[in-house]
């Protein structure tokens, strides 16, 4: 059962180092499932972001993490918007990231067999 949007999390958010890591086998399974459900075009493709935008977001002393939101760009392609968030879960919207380097043409030069299937 999905959590209710109105459910109140405990504060501060339970951010801990390593909480969001995933094993390669699990990453491959999740990626294969996405490609099967959504196709290799559109949302199934990769997008890369330069670390500079993340460094800028994380430089805000109130920022304890980054939240991602799906969006649709002007070409109708799925994209991700991302913002910093504070310890109470509030978005820090003074800087909002997007504008990925999409694959293609910005694809990994070597297929790793884990995510780039």
C-alpha atoms as a PDB file:
ATOM      1  CA  UNK A   1       0.000   0.000   0.000  1.00  0.00           C
ATOM      2  CA  UNK A   2       1.377   3.411  -0.966  1.00  0.00           C
ATOM      3  CA  UNK A   3       1.902   5.989   1.757  1.00  0.00           C
ATOM      4  CA  UNK A   4      -0.711   8.690   1.965  1.00  0.00           C
ATOM      5  CA  UNK A   5       0.356  12.063   0.583  1.00  0.00           C
ATOM      6  CA  UNK A   6      -0.984  13.584   3.784  1.00  0.00           C
ATOM      7  CA  UNK A   7       0.995  11.263   6.067  1.00  0.00           C
ATOM      8  CA  UNK A   8       3.248  13.294   8.329  1.00  0.00           C
ATOM      9  CA  UNK A   9       6.847  12.046   8.471  1.00  0.00           C
ATOM     10  CA  UNK A  10       8.869  12.291  11.622  1.00  0.00           C
ATOM     11  CA  UNK A  11      11.189  15.289  11.709  1.00  0.00           C
ATOM     12  CA  UNK A  12      13.934  15.703  11.027  1.00  0.00           C
ATOM     13  CA  UNK A  13      13.877  13.439   7.996  1.00  0.00           C
ATOM     14  CA  UNK A  14      15.845  10.247   8.653  1.00  0.00           C
ATOM     15  CA  UNK A  15      18.761  10.984   6.325  1.00  0.00           C
ATOM     16  CA  UNK A  16      21.646   8.667   6.902  1.00  0.00           C
ATOM     17  CA  UNK A  17      24.744   8.095   4.824  1.00  0.00           C
ATOM     18  CA  UNK A  18      24.384   5.115   2.520  1.00  0.00           C
ATOM     19  CA  UNK A  19      20.608   4.854   2.844  1.00  0.00           C
ATOM     20  CA  UNK A  20      20.058   5.329  -0.873  1.00  0.00           C
ATOM     21  CA  UNK A  21      22.687   2.942  -2.221  1.00  0.00           C
ATOM     22  CA  UNK A  22      21.589   0.005  -4.355  1.00  0.00           C
ATOM     23  CA  UNK A  23      23.486  -3.125  -5.367  1.00  0.00           C
ATOM     24  CA  UNK A  24      24.375  -3.544  -9.046  1.00  0.00           C
ATOM     25  CA  UNK A  25      22.108  -6.581  -9.403  1.00  0.00           C
ATOM     26  CA  UNK A  26      19.181  -4.624  -7.961  1.00  0.00           C
ATOM     27  CA  UNK A  27      19.946  -1.622 -10.175  1.00  0.00           C
ATOM     28  CA  UNK A  28      19.986  -3.858 -13.255  1.00  0.00           C
ATOM     29  CA  UNK A  29      16.665  -5.437 -12.230  1.00  0.00           C
ATOM     30  CA  UNK A  30      15.032  -2.014 -11.696  1.00  0.00           C
ATOM     31  CA  UNK A  31      16.383  -0.727 -15.013  1.00  0.00           C
ATOM     32  CA  UNK A  32      15.190  -3.796 -16.955  1.00  0.00           C
ATOM     33  CA  UNK A  33      11.745  -3.433 -15.387  1.00  0.00           C
ATOM     34  CA  UNK A  34      11.574   0.248 -16.456  1.00  0.00           C
ATOM     35  CA  UNK A  35      12.602  -0.551 -20.020  1.00  0.00           C
ATOM     36  CA  UNK A  36      10.031  -3.366 -20.217  1.00  0.00           C
ATOM     37  CA  UNK A  37       7.247  -1.127 -18.902  1.00  0.00           C
ATOM     38  CA  UNK A  38       8.149   2.127 -20.621  1.00  0.00           C
ATOM     39  CA  UNK A  39      10.300   1.267 -23.624  1.00  0.00           C
ATOM     40  CA  UNK A  40      13.868   2.292 -24.351  1.00  0.00           C
ATOM     41  CA  UNK A  41      12.779   5.668 -25.769  1.00  0.00           C
ATOM     42  CA  UNK A  42      11.457   8.562 -23.745  1.00  0.00           C
ATOM     43  CA  UNK A  43      11.618   7.853 -20.040  1.00  0.00           C
ATOM     44  CA  UNK A  44      13.707   4.727 -20.618  1.00  0.00           C
ATOM     45  CA  UNK A  45      16.732   6.741 -21.822  1.00  0.00           C
ATOM     46  CA  UNK A  46      19.425   8.135 -19.593  1.00  0.00           C
ATOM     47  CA  UNK A  47      20.111  11.765 -18.784  1.00  0.00           C
ATOM     48  CA  UNK A  48      23.298  13.186 -17.301  1.00  0.00           C
ATOM     49  CA  UNK A  49      23.796  16.277 -15.157  1.00  0.00           C
ATOM     50  CA  UNK A  50      27.021  18.082 -14.342  1.00  0.00           C
ATOM     51  CA  UNK A  51      27.879  18.065 -10.642  1.00  0.00           C
ATOM     52  CA  UNK A  52      28.032  21.891 -10.566  1.00  0.00           C
ATOM     53  CA  UNK A  53      24.243  22.273 -10.197  1.00  0.00           C
ATOM     54  CA  UNK A  54      24.167  19.740  -7.354  1.00  0.00           C
ATOM     55  CA  UNK A  55      27.096  21.472  -5.639  1.00  0.00           C
ATOM     56  CA  UNK A  56      25.211  24.776  -5.909  1.00  0.00           C
ATOM     57  CA  UNK A  57      22.024  23.285  -4.462  1.00  0.00           C
ATOM     58  CA  UNK A  58      23.909  21.540  -1.649  1.00  0.00           C
ATOM     59  CA  UNK A  59      25.853  24.726  -0.827  1.00  0.00           C
ATOM     60  CA  UNK A  60      22.753  26.181   0.833  1.00  0.00           C
ATOM     61  CA  UNK A  61      23.434  25.630   4.554  1.00  0.00           C
ATOM     62  CA  UNK A  62      19.771  24.694   5.075  1.00  0.00           C
ATOM     63  CA  UNK A  63      19.964  21.895   2.486  1.00  0.00           C
ATOM     64  CA  UNK A  64      20.054  18.316   3.804  1.00  0.00           C
ATOM     65  CA  UNK A  65      19.061  16.517   0.601  1.00  0.00           C
ATOM     66  CA  UNK A  66      17.736  16.793  -2.927  1.00  0.00           C
ATOM     67  CA  UNK A  67      14.161  16.093  -4.007  1.00  0.00           C
ATOM     68  CA  UNK A  68      13.283  15.089  -7.595  1.00  0.00           C
ATOM     69  CA  UNK A  69      10.052  15.773  -9.481  1.00  0.00           C
ATOM     70  CA  UNK A  70       9.164  14.370 -12.913  1.00  0.00           C
ATOM     71  CA  UNK A  71       8.168  16.894 -15.554  1.00  0.00           C
ATOM     72  CA  UNK A  72       7.524  17.141 -19.286  1.00  0.00           C
ATOM     73  CA  UNK A  73       9.699  19.531 -21.293  1.00  0.00           C
ATOM     74  CA  UNK A  74       8.664  21.637 -24.307  1.00  0.00           C
ATOM     75  CA  UNK A  75       9.478  18.722 -26.669  1.00  0.00           C
ATOM     76  CA  UNK A  76       7.153  16.408 -24.725  1.00  0.00           C
ATOM     77  CA  UNK A  77      10.020  14.431 -23.186  1.00  0.00           C
ATOM     78  CA  UNK A  78      10.099  13.350 -19.568  1.00  0.00           C
ATOM     79  CA  UNK A  79      12.630  15.257 -17.491  1.00  0.00           C
ATOM     80  CA  UNK A  80      13.485  15.605 -13.827  1.00  0.00           C
ATOM     81  CA  UNK A  81      13.295  18.804 -11.837  1.00  0.00           C
ATOM     82  CA  UNK A  82      15.268  18.848  -8.622  1.00  0.00           C
ATOM     83  CA  UNK A  83      15.516  21.136  -5.619  1.00  0.00           C
ATOM     84  CA  UNK A  84      17.241  21.168  -2.286  1.00  0.00           C
ATOM     85  CA  UNK A  85      15.219  20.397   0.807  1.00  0.00           C
ATOM     86  CA  UNK A  86      15.630  21.361   4.437  1.00  0.00           C
ATOM     87  CA  UNK A  87      15.507  19.141   7.523  1.00  0.00           C
ATOM     88  CA  UNK A  88      11.742  19.648   7.831  1.00  0.00           C
ATOM     89  CA  UNK A  89      11.142  18.487   4.263  1.00  0.00           C
ATOM     90  CA  UNK A  90      10.480  21.937   2.799  1.00  0.00           C
ATOM     91  CA  UNK A  91      11.621  22.605  -0.754  1.00  0.00           C
ATOM     92  CA  UNK A  92      14.351  25.217  -1.158  1.00  0.00           C
ATOM     93  CA  UNK A  93      13.224  26.702  -4.475  1.00  0.00           C
ATOM     94  CA  UNK A  94      15.761  29.504  -4.850  1.00  0.00           C
ATOM     95  CA  UNK A  95      17.587  27.182  -7.289  1.00  0.00           C
ATOM     96  CA  UNK A  96      15.766  24.532  -9.346  1.00  0.00           C
ATOM     97  CA  UNK A  97      17.677  22.154 -11.588  1.00  0.00           C
ATOM     98  CA  UNK A  98      16.763  20.553 -14.919  1.00  0.00           C
ATOM     99  CA  UNK A  99      18.220  20.689 -18.461  1.00  0.00           C
ATOM    100  CA  UNK A 100      19.871  17.265 -18.699  1.00  0.00           C
ATOM    101  CA  UNK A 101      22.382  16.045 -21.244  1.00  0.00           C
ATOM    102  CA  UNK A 102      20.188  13.383 -22.861  1.00  0.00           C
ATOM    103  CA  UNK A 103      21.157  10.057 -24.392  1.00  0.00           C
ATOM    104  CA  UNK A 104      21.345  10.152 -27.328  1.00  0.00           C
ATOM    105  CA  UNK A 105      23.600  11.892 -28.182  1.00  0.00           C
ATOM    106  CA  UNK A 106      25.272  12.104 -24.734  1.00  0.00           C
ATOM    107  CA  UNK A 107      25.401   8.358 -24.038  1.00  0.00           C
ATOM    108  CA  UNK A 108      28.022   6.467 -22.060  1.00  0.00           C
ATOM    109  CA  UNK A 109      30.819   5.486 -24.465  1.00  0.00           C
ATOM    110  CA  UNK A 110      30.907   1.954 -23.029  1.00  0.00           C
ATOM    111  CA  UNK A 111      27.785  -0.065 -22.186  1.00  0.00           C
ATOM    112  CA  UNK A 112      28.269  -1.204 -18.610  1.00  0.00           C
ATOM    113  CA  UNK A 113      25.688  -3.994 -18.687  1.00  0.00           C
ATOM    114  CA  UNK A 114      24.229  -2.756 -15.402  1.00  0.00           C
ATOM    115  CA  UNK A 115      22.299   0.427 -16.207  1.00  0.00           C
ATOM    116  CA  UNK A 116      23.157   1.043 -19.861  1.00  0.00           C
ATOM    117  CA  UNK A 117      21.474  -2.048 -21.286  1.00  0.00           C
END
